[in-house]
Amino acid sequence: MASCAGLALCGRALVVRGGSRFLATSTAGSDDDVPFLYDCSPAEKSQENKGEDGQPMEKGSDMILAAAFSKSGGYFALTDDSKRLILFRTKPWQCLSVRTVVRRCTALTFTASEEKLLVADKSGDVYSFSVSDPQGCGKLELGHLSMLLDVAVSPDDRYVLTADRDEKIRVSWAAAPHSIESFCLGHAEFVSRILVVPDHPDHPELLLSSSGDCTLRLWEYQSGRELHCCHLTSLREPAEPWGDKRSAASRIAYWGQESCVALLCDCIPVVYIFQLDARRQQLAYRQQLAFQHRVWDVAFEEGQGLWVLQDCREAPLVLCRPVDGQWQAVPENTALKKVSAHLQGNWAMLEGVSGMDAGFSGLYKATFDNVTAYLRKKEERLQKRRQNPPPGPNGQAKKMKPEEASL
């Protein structure tokens, strides 16, 4: 599902999005950096006013639903609520194309070669769009029977990994998506996020996943084998206001410099930090970073640390780094001050989403216990019959037989 505000980082390029707009800037310390601002609202819209069933198409709000950088950072793409896929070149920033997607999208990613964009939608389909041909139409690659929530590719572009609402992670061949290599099965609720661990020399087939079942799992995705499972509820204190709350991760971020994993849960102002031990194939919990304000998104920057985007105009960004083995917020530096100033000057794009709740709460499957209600009502009827037995043929109260009392 879409988050109301988001953060994306690649190299020194940083993008913050909110509503229909985004701001792109650099984390470099130079003062002459001019931010790039873009608003989806005035972008061209499809001339088609009817959907596949011939009915008028529902007008979107232009809110950005998903966004991603390419591996090199040379491209950036987003998809919005008006069913548009917008592609940018980042050096310098320039809009290359505005294309139409069939349905509203939930996630997108670039292939490692940067030749294609893969877009996952709410109906369970994945379409590919050419990057070299910015005006090219989309091609249907694969489909699920349920809503897709995330999509990823392997570092060598051999596999496409998709996560859906029905607890499944599918690993398909990119060259022939109808051929399924494996399923990663074990989650008990929808799979909210997946992340292929990038460029690990010893274990190139590691996958991280999170779910509405409040777990973070480590997989060997080519075989579908689960390597480790961490239950997030065991990390919470009972006294915390969200101690017994169901939650799914809205972001999994990985820092290759120290093999750290950051996990941000839906509507909880806490970021969990784990250490990935690839040799032992397990995750080790390290600490949690608590914040006073709602945390919208997190992202790692190699060589810098963890950037945290929060709902606070005075301090919209927090930069955290490990100090003596413990992560903590660093004092305000030149880069943090500069980027925060850009956001404060354009706070209107984030102010409109402050009260929005675009989380995963609506994806939990409802359960119904009709048997308990039936047994309760049956017992109530029996109690009334025992207290007021029906009259007999002579007007006297009929004495109930033992077998009738048990009915």
Protein backbone atom coordinates (compact mmCIF):
# COMPACT_ATOMS: atom_id res chain seq x y z
CA MET A 1 0.00 0.00 0.00
CA ALA A 2 1.07 3.55 -0.51
CA SER A 3 2.55 5.61 2.26
CA CYS A 4 1.39 9.21 2.49
CA ALA A 5 4.98 10.51 2.47
CA GLY A 6 8.19 8.85 1.40
CA LEU A 7 11.96 9.06 1.23
CA ALA A 8 14.30 7.71 -1.46
CA LEU A 9 18.11 7.81 -1.56
CA CYS A 10 20.68 6.79 -4.14
CA GLY A 11 24.26 7.97 -3.85
CA ARG A 12 24.01 11.59 -2.75
CA ALA A 13 20.62 12.15 -4.38
CA LEU A 14 17.69 12.42 -1.96
CA VAL A 15 13.99 12.63 -2.81
CA VAL A 16 11.18 13.43 -0.40
CA ARG A 17 7.62 13.03 -1.63
CA GLY A 18 4.31 14.08 -0.16
CA GLY A 19 0.88 14.09 -1.78
CA SER A 20 1.25 14.84 -5.48
CA ARG A 21 4.67 16.53 -5.19
CA PHE A 22 8.28 15.65 -4.58
CA LEU A 23 11.49 17.53 -3.84
CA ALA A 24 14.87 16.28 -5.05
CA THR A 25 18.14 17.56 -3.66
CA SER A 26 21.64 16.41 -2.75
CA THR A 27 23.09 15.43 0.61
CA ALA A 28 26.42 16.99 -0.40
CA GLY A 29 27.39 19.93 1.75
CA SER A 30 27.58 22.55 -1.04
CA ASP A 31 25.30 25.56 -0.59
CA ASP A 32 24.76 26.16 -4.33
CA ASP A 33 22.52 23.11 -4.74
CA VAL A 34 19.14 24.10 -6.18
CA PRO A 35 16.35 21.61 -5.35
CA PHE A 36 14.20 20.15 -8.12
CA LEU A 37 10.46 20.39 -7.45
CA TYR A 38 7.79 18.48 -9.35
CA ASP A 39 4.01 18.37 -9.06
CA CYS A 40 2.05 15.54 -10.69
CA SER A 41 -1.21 17.48 -10.77
CA PRO A 42 -0.54 19.52 -13.95
CA ALA A 43 1.14 16.59 -15.72
CA GLU A 44 -0.60 15.38 -18.86
CA LYS A 45 -3.38 12.86 -18.31
CA SER A 46 -4.70 10.11 -20.52
CA GLN A 47 -7.34 11.20 -23.01
CA GLU A 48 -9.24 7.99 -22.38
CA ASN A 49 -12.19 8.58 -20.12
CA LYS A 50 -13.47 5.02 -19.98
CA GLY A 51 -12.09 1.91 -18.34
CA GLU A 52 -11.92 -1.65 -19.62
CA ASP A 53 -15.59 -2.26 -18.77
CA GLY A 54 -16.75 0.79 -20.71
CA GLN A 55 -17.61 2.74 -17.56
CA PRO A 56 -16.17 6.20 -16.85
CA MET A 57 -12.80 5.99 -15.12
CA GLU A 58 -12.61 7.17 -11.54
CA LYS A 59 -10.65 10.40 -11.26
CA GLY A 60 -7.54 10.14 -9.13
CA SER A 61 -6.15 12.53 -6.55
CA ASP A 62 -2.69 12.67 -8.23
CA MET A 63 -1.13 11.40 -4.99
CA ILE A 64 2.17 9.60 -5.54
CA LEU A 65 1.73 5.92 -4.69
CA ALA A 66 5.24 4.55 -5.25
CA ALA A 67 8.65 5.78 -6.39
CA ALA A 68 12.15 4.39 -6.92
CA PHE A 69 15.65 5.20 -8.16
CA SER A 70 17.47 3.04 -10.68
CA LYS A 71 20.59 1.23 -9.40
CA SER A 72 23.00 3.89 -10.70
CA GLY A 73 20.75 6.75 -9.64
CA GLY A 74 20.58 8.01 -13.22
CA TYR A 75 16.81 7.48 -13.40
CA PHE A 76 13.88 8.04 -11.07
CA ALA A 77 10.30 6.91 -11.60
CA LEU A 78 6.99 7.31 -9.82
CA THR A 79 3.41 6.23 -10.24
CA ASP A 80 0.40 8.15 -8.97
CA ASP A 81 -3.26 7.79 -8.13
CA SER A 82 -4.26 9.03 -11.60
CA LYS A 83 -2.75 5.89 -13.19
CA ARG A 84 0.34 7.59 -14.57
CA LEU A 85 3.93 6.33 -14.71
CA ILE A 86 6.38 9.24 -14.86
CA LEU A 87 10.05 8.71 -15.73
CA PHE A 88 12.85 11.19 -14.96
CA ARG A 89 16.51 11.55 -15.79
CA THR A 90 18.36 12.80 -12.71
CA LYS A 91 21.63 14.25 -14.06
CA PRO A 92 20.30 16.88 -14.57
CA TRP A 93 16.71 16.39 -13.48
CA GLN A 94 14.37 16.18 -16.45
CA CYS A 95 10.97 14.56 -17.04
CA LEU A 96 11.34 12.06 -19.91
CA SER A 97 7.83 10.69 -20.24
CA VAL A 98 4.35 10.39 -18.77
CA ARG A 99 2.73 7.03 -19.55
CA THR A 100 -0.57 5.48 -18.56
CA VAL A 101 -0.84 2.27 -16.52
CA VAL A 102 -3.86 -0.02 -16.59
CA ARG A 103 -4.64 0.10 -12.87
CA ARG A 104 -3.43 1.89 -9.77
CA CYS A 105 -0.01 0.61 -8.77
CA THR A 106 1.34 -0.48 -5.42
CA ALA A 107 5.09 -0.79 -6.10
CA LEU A 108 7.70 -0.36 -8.80
CA THR A 109 11.37 -1.13 -9.37
CA PHE A 110 14.03 -0.86 -12.06
CA THR A 111 15.83 -3.92 -13.38
CA ALA A 112 19.53 -4.02 -12.48
CA SER A 113 20.44 -3.32 -16.10
CA GLU A 114 18.15 -0.25 -16.04
CA GLU A 115 16.55 -1.37 -19.28
CA LYS A 116 13.06 -1.85 -17.81
CA LEU A 117 10.70 -0.60 -15.17
CA LEU A 118 8.56 -3.23 -13.43
CA VAL A 119 5.25 -1.99 -12.06
CA ALA A 120 2.99 -4.04 -9.76
CA ASP A 121 -0.69 -3.16 -9.44
CA LYS A 122 -3.65 -3.80 -7.14
CA SER A 123 -5.15 -6.48 -9.37
CA GLY A 124 -2.04 -8.69 -9.06
CA ASP A 125 -0.33 -7.98 -12.40
CA VAL A 126 3.23 -6.88 -13.19
CA TYR A 127 3.85 -4.80 -16.31
CA SER A 128 7.23 -3.86 -17.76
CA PHE A 129 8.00 -0.51 -19.39
CA SER A 130 11.06 0.33 -21.44
CA VAL A 131 13.50 2.90 -20.08
CA SER A 132 15.40 3.45 -23.34
CA ASP A 133 12.10 4.01 -25.16
CA PRO A 134 10.35 6.39 -22.76
CA GLN A 135 7.16 6.47 -24.83
CA GLY A 136 6.80 2.70 -25.20
CA CYS A 137 3.67 0.95 -23.95
CA GLY A 138 3.66 -1.50 -21.07
CA LYS A 139 3.90 -5.27 -21.49
CA LEU A 140 2.15 -7.71 -19.17
CA GLU A 141 4.80 -9.96 -17.59
CA LEU A 142 3.05 -11.99 -14.88
CA GLY A 143 0.03 -12.07 -12.62
CA HIS A 144 -1.21 -13.19 -9.22
CA LEU A 145 -4.73 -14.00 -8.08
CA SER A 146 -4.50 -11.40 -5.30
CA MET A 147 -3.27 -7.87 -4.78
CA LEU A 148 0.48 -7.34 -5.16
CA LEU A 149 2.15 -5.29 -2.44
CA ASP A 150 5.80 -5.30 -3.55
CA VAL A 151 8.09 -6.29 -6.41
CA ALA A 152 11.86 -6.76 -6.61
CA VAL A 153 14.49 -8.19 -8.96
CA SER A 154 17.60 -10.25 -8.29
CA PRO A 155 20.98 -8.47 -8.71
CA ASP A 156 21.66 -10.40 -11.93
CA ASP A 157 18.16 -9.76 -13.35
CA ARG A 158 17.46 -13.51 -13.56
CA TYR A 159 14.45 -13.47 -11.22
CA VAL A 160 11.43 -11.29 -10.53
CA LEU A 161 10.18 -11.54 -6.94
CA THR A 162 6.61 -10.57 -6.08
CA ALA A 163 4.77 -10.39 -2.74
CA ASP A 164 1.00 -10.55 -2.43
CA ARG A 165 -1.87 -10.22 0.01
CA ASP A 166 -2.32 -13.99 0.25
CA GLU A 167 0.90 -14.56 2.24
CA LYS A 168 2.96 -15.64 -0.79
CA ILE A 169 6.32 -14.61 -2.18
CA ARG A 170 6.80 -15.88 -5.72
CA VAL A 171 10.16 -16.17 -7.48
CA SER A 172 9.72 -16.17 -11.27
CA TRP A 173 12.18 -16.33 -14.16
CA ALA A 174 12.56 -12.85 -15.69
CA ALA A 175 13.11 -14.27 -19.20
CA ALA A 176 10.00 -16.48 -18.90
CA PRO A 177 7.81 -15.17 -16.05
CA HIS A 178 5.34 -18.04 -16.44
CA SER A 179 8.12 -20.32 -15.13
CA ILE A 180 8.18 -20.23 -11.34
CA GLU A 181 11.47 -21.06 -9.66
CA SER A 182 10.13 -21.22 -6.09
CA PHE A 183 7.68 -19.93 -3.51
CA CYS A 184 8.76 -18.54 -0.14
CA LEU A 185 5.92 -19.72 2.11
CA GLY A 186 5.56 -19.24 5.85
CA HIS A 187 3.97 -15.86 6.52
CA ALA A 188 0.53 -16.02 8.14
CA GLU A 189 -0.68 -12.65 6.82
CA PHE A 190 -0.12 -10.44 3.78
CA VAL A 191 3.51 -9.81 2.79
CA SER A 192 3.97 -6.05 3.02
CA ARG A 193 7.60 -5.60 1.92
CA ILE A 194 10.42 -7.60 0.35
CA LEU A 195 14.07 -6.64 -0.15
CA VAL A 196 16.75 -8.62 -1.99
CA VAL A 197 20.00 -8.19 -0.02
CA PRO A 198 22.24 -6.42 -2.57
CA ASP A 199 25.72 -7.46 -3.68
CA HIS A 200 26.57 -9.90 -0.92
CA PRO A 201 29.62 -11.84 -2.20
CA ASP A 202 29.17 -15.00 -0.10
CA HIS A 203 25.37 -15.30 -0.16
CA PRO A 204 23.90 -13.60 -3.26
CA GLU A 205 20.43 -15.16 -2.87
CA LEU A 206 19.23 -13.67 0.42
CA LEU A 207 15.81 -12.07 0.74
CA LEU A 208 14.22 -10.13 3.60
CA SER A 209 10.45 -9.98 3.98
CA SER A 210 7.94 -8.50 6.39
CA SER A 211 4.28 -9.22 6.94
CA GLY A 212 1.10 -8.36 8.78
CA ASP A 213 1.92 -11.30 11.05
CA CYS A 214 4.52 -9.04 12.78
CA THR A 215 7.55 -11.02 11.62
CA LEU A 216 10.75 -10.23 9.74
CA ARG A 217 12.03 -13.26 7.84
CA LEU A 218 15.24 -14.16 6.03
CA TRP A 219 15.06 -16.47 2.99
CA GLU A 220 17.21 -18.18 0.44
CA TYR A 221 14.87 -17.18 -2.34
CA GLN A 222 16.04 -19.46 -5.15
CA SER A 223 15.13 -22.54 -3.12
CA GLY A 224 12.33 -20.89 -1.13
CA ARG A 225 13.96 -22.00 2.13
CA GLU A 226 13.32 -19.93 5.26
CA LEU A 227 16.55 -19.27 7.15
CA HIS A 228 15.43 -17.17 10.11
CA CYS A 229 12.28 -15.63 11.57
CA CYS A 230 12.15 -12.76 14.06
CA HIS A 231 8.86 -12.04 15.88
CA LEU A 232 8.58 -8.29 16.40
CA THR A 233 6.03 -8.62 19.19
CA SER A 234 8.74 -10.20 21.36
CA LEU A 235 10.78 -7.00 21.04
CA ARG A 236 8.06 -4.71 22.40
CA GLU A 237 7.48 -3.71 25.98
CA PRO A 238 3.94 -4.32 27.34
CA ALA A 239 3.85 -0.77 28.67
CA GLU A 240 4.29 0.73 25.21
CA PRO A 241 1.05 2.12 23.75
CA TRP A 242 1.57 -0.01 20.64
CA GLY A 243 2.72 -3.08 22.58
CA ASP A 244 -0.20 -5.28 21.49
CA LYS A 245 -0.92 -3.58 18.16
CA ARG A 246 -0.82 -5.54 14.91
CA SER A 247 1.57 -3.89 12.48
CA ALA A 248 3.35 -4.56 9.21
CA ALA A 249 6.61 -3.09 8.00
CA SER A 250 6.25 -0.16 5.64
CA ARG A 251 10.00 -0.10 4.89
CA ILE A 252 12.95 -2.49 4.99
CA ALA A 253 16.29 -0.75 4.43
CA TYR A 254 19.74 -2.35 4.18
CA TRP A 255 23.16 -0.79 4.85
CA GLY A 256 25.95 -2.77 3.22
CA GLN A 257 28.68 -0.93 5.11
CA GLU A 258 27.92 -2.77 8.36
CA SER A 259 25.28 -5.29 7.19
CA CYS A 260 22.56 -3.46 9.10
CA VAL A 261 18.82 -3.79 8.51
CA ALA A 262 16.38 -1.05 9.50
CA LEU A 263 12.71 -1.92 9.84
CA LEU A 264 9.97 0.70 10.06
CA CYS A 265 6.55 -0.56 11.12
CA ASP A 266 3.25 0.91 10.04
CA CYS A 267 2.08 3.79 12.30
CA ILE A 268 4.62 3.02 15.06
CA PRO A 269 7.25 5.72 15.88
CA VAL A 270 10.02 3.14 16.29
CA VAL A 271 12.76 1.93 13.93
CA TYR A 272 14.12 -1.55 14.67
CA ILE A 273 17.79 -2.18 13.93
CA PHE A 274 19.08 -5.68 13.11
CA GLN A 275 22.47 -7.09 12.17
CA LEU A 276 22.53 -9.53 9.25
CA ASP A 277 24.96 -12.40 9.81
CA ALA A 278 25.13 -13.89 6.32
CA ARG A 279 27.60 -16.61 7.31
CA ARG A 280 25.29 -17.96 10.01
CA GLN A 281 22.24 -17.03 7.93
CA GLN A 282 20.39 -15.24 10.70
CA LEU A 283 19.30 -11.83 11.96
CA ALA A 284 20.44 -10.46 15.30
CA TYR A 285 18.33 -7.78 16.98
CA ARG A 286 20.44 -4.81 18.09
CA GLN A 287 18.23 -1.95 19.27
CA GLN A 288 15.22 0.23 18.56
CA LEU A 289 15.23 3.94 17.85
CA ALA A 290 12.20 5.71 19.32
CA PHE A 291 10.94 9.07 18.05
CA GLN A 292 8.55 11.67 19.43
CA HIS A 293 6.80 12.20 16.11
CA ARG A 294 5.29 9.96 13.48
CA VAL A 295 7.99 8.44 11.28
CA TRP A 296 7.07 8.42 7.59
CA ASP A 297 10.06 6.68 6.05
CA VAL A 298 13.71 5.71 6.45
CA ALA A 299 16.61 5.16 4.05
CA PHE A 300 20.33 4.41 4.36
CA GLU A 301 23.05 6.43 2.68
CA GLU A 302 26.36 4.64 2.29
CA GLY A 303 29.07 6.44 4.23
CA GLN A 304 26.57 8.60 6.12
CA GLY A 305 24.03 6.52 8.03
CA LEU A 306 20.26 6.29 8.40
CA TRP A 307 18.05 9.18 7.28
CA VAL A 308 14.67 9.37 9.04
CA LEU A 309 11.75 11.41 7.67
CA GLN A 310 9.31 12.44 10.41
CA ASP A 311 6.19 14.54 10.86
CA CYS A 312 7.89 17.54 12.43
CA ARG A 313 8.36 20.83 10.62
CA GLU A 314 11.09 22.01 13.00
CA ALA A 315 13.13 18.85 12.39
CA PRO A 316 11.76 16.99 9.35
CA LEU A 317 14.89 14.87 8.96
CA VAL A 318 17.05 13.06 11.49
CA LEU A 319 20.40 11.49 10.62
CA CYS A 320 21.45 8.51 12.78
CA ARG A 321 24.84 6.81 12.94
CA PRO A 322 26.39 4.03 15.02
CA VAL A 323 28.51 5.36 17.89
CA ASP A 324 30.33 2.75 19.97
CA GLY A 325 27.97 0.09 18.64
CA GLN A 326 24.77 2.04 19.39
CA TRP A 327 22.78 3.99 16.82
CA GLN A 328 21.94 7.56 17.79
CA ALA A 329 21.01 10.86 16.20
CA VAL A 330 23.98 12.99 15.20
CA PRO A 331 24.20 16.72 15.89
CA GLU A 332 23.02 18.92 13.07
CA ASN A 333 25.66 19.04 10.32
CA THR A 334 25.89 20.99 7.07
CA ALA A 335 24.09 18.41 4.91
CA LEU A 336 21.30 17.85 7.41
CA LYS A 337 20.81 21.58 7.90
CA LYS A 338 20.67 22.26 4.16
CA VAL A 339 18.21 19.48 3.28
CA SER A 340 16.00 20.29 6.27
CA ALA A 341 15.86 23.93 5.19
CA HIS A 342 14.66 22.87 1.73
CA LEU A 343 11.89 20.78 3.29
CA GLN A 344 10.86 23.50 5.72
CA GLY A 345 10.54 25.93 2.81
CA ASN A 346 8.30 23.44 0.98
CA TRP A 347 6.46 22.02 3.98
CA ALA A 348 3.08 22.50 2.29
CA MET A 349 3.56 19.25 0.34
CA LEU A 350 3.97 17.32 3.61
CA GLU A 351 1.53 19.30 5.69
CA GLY A 352 -1.38 18.00 3.67
CA VAL A 353 -0.54 14.36 4.44
CA SER A 354 0.13 14.77 8.17
CA GLY A 355 -3.27 13.44 9.20
CA MET A 356 -3.60 10.80 6.51
CA ASP A 357 -3.57 7.11 7.36
CA ALA A 358 -2.51 5.09 4.33
CA GLY A 359 -1.30 2.03 6.17
CA PHE A 360 -1.99 -1.68 5.97
CA SER A 361 -4.86 -1.93 8.46
CA GLY A 362 -7.40 -2.61 5.73
CA LEU A 363 -5.53 -5.66 4.43
CA TYR A 364 -6.03 -7.93 7.43
CA LYS A 365 -8.51 -10.68 6.66
CA ALA A 366 -11.66 -10.62 8.77
CA THR A 367 -12.58 -13.74 10.73
CA PHE A 368 -16.07 -14.77 11.79
CA ASP A 369 -16.98 -17.13 14.66
CA ASN A 370 -20.60 -18.05 14.03
CA VAL A 371 -20.45 -21.19 16.19
CA THR A 372 -19.81 -19.28 19.43
CA ALA A 373 -22.73 -16.93 18.78
CA TYR A 374 -25.00 -19.88 17.94
CA LEU A 375 -24.11 -21.78 21.14
CA ARG A 376 -24.66 -18.67 23.26
CA LYS A 377 -28.14 -18.06 21.82
CA LYS A 378 -29.01 -21.75 22.20
CA GLU A 379 -28.08 -21.65 25.87
CA GLU A 380 -30.20 -18.53 26.37
CA ARG A 381 -33.23 -20.27 24.83
CA LEU A 382 -32.74 -23.32 27.07
CA GLN A 383 -32.52 -21.13 30.17
CA LYS A 384 -35.84 -19.49 29.30
CA ARG A 385 -37.50 -22.88 28.76
CA ARG A 386 -36.27 -24.14 32.12
CA GLN A 387 -37.54 -21.02 33.90
CA ASN A 388 -40.87 -20.88 32.03
CA PRO A 389 -41.79 -24.33 30.75
CA PRO A 390 -44.69 -24.41 28.24
CA PRO A 391 -48.20 -25.35 29.63
CA GLY A 392 -49.43 -28.95 29.36
CA PRO A 393 -52.81 -30.12 27.97
CA ASN A 394 -54.65 -29.30 31.26
CA GLY A 395 -53.11 -25.87 31.62
CA GLN A 396 -50.44 -27.10 34.02
CA ALA A 397 -46.80 -26.44 33.37
CA LYS A 398 -45.33 -29.20 31.32
CA LYS A 399 -42.52 -31.06 33.01
CA MET A 400 -39.55 -31.19 30.72
CA LYS A 401 -37.88 -34.50 30.09
CA PRO A 402 -34.13 -34.73 30.66
CA GLU A 403 -33.49 -35.20 26.96
CA GLU A 404 -35.56 -32.06 26.16
CA ALA A 405 -33.60 -29.99 28.64
CA SER A 406 -30.39 -30.89 26.89
CA LEU A 407 -31.60 -29.89 23.43
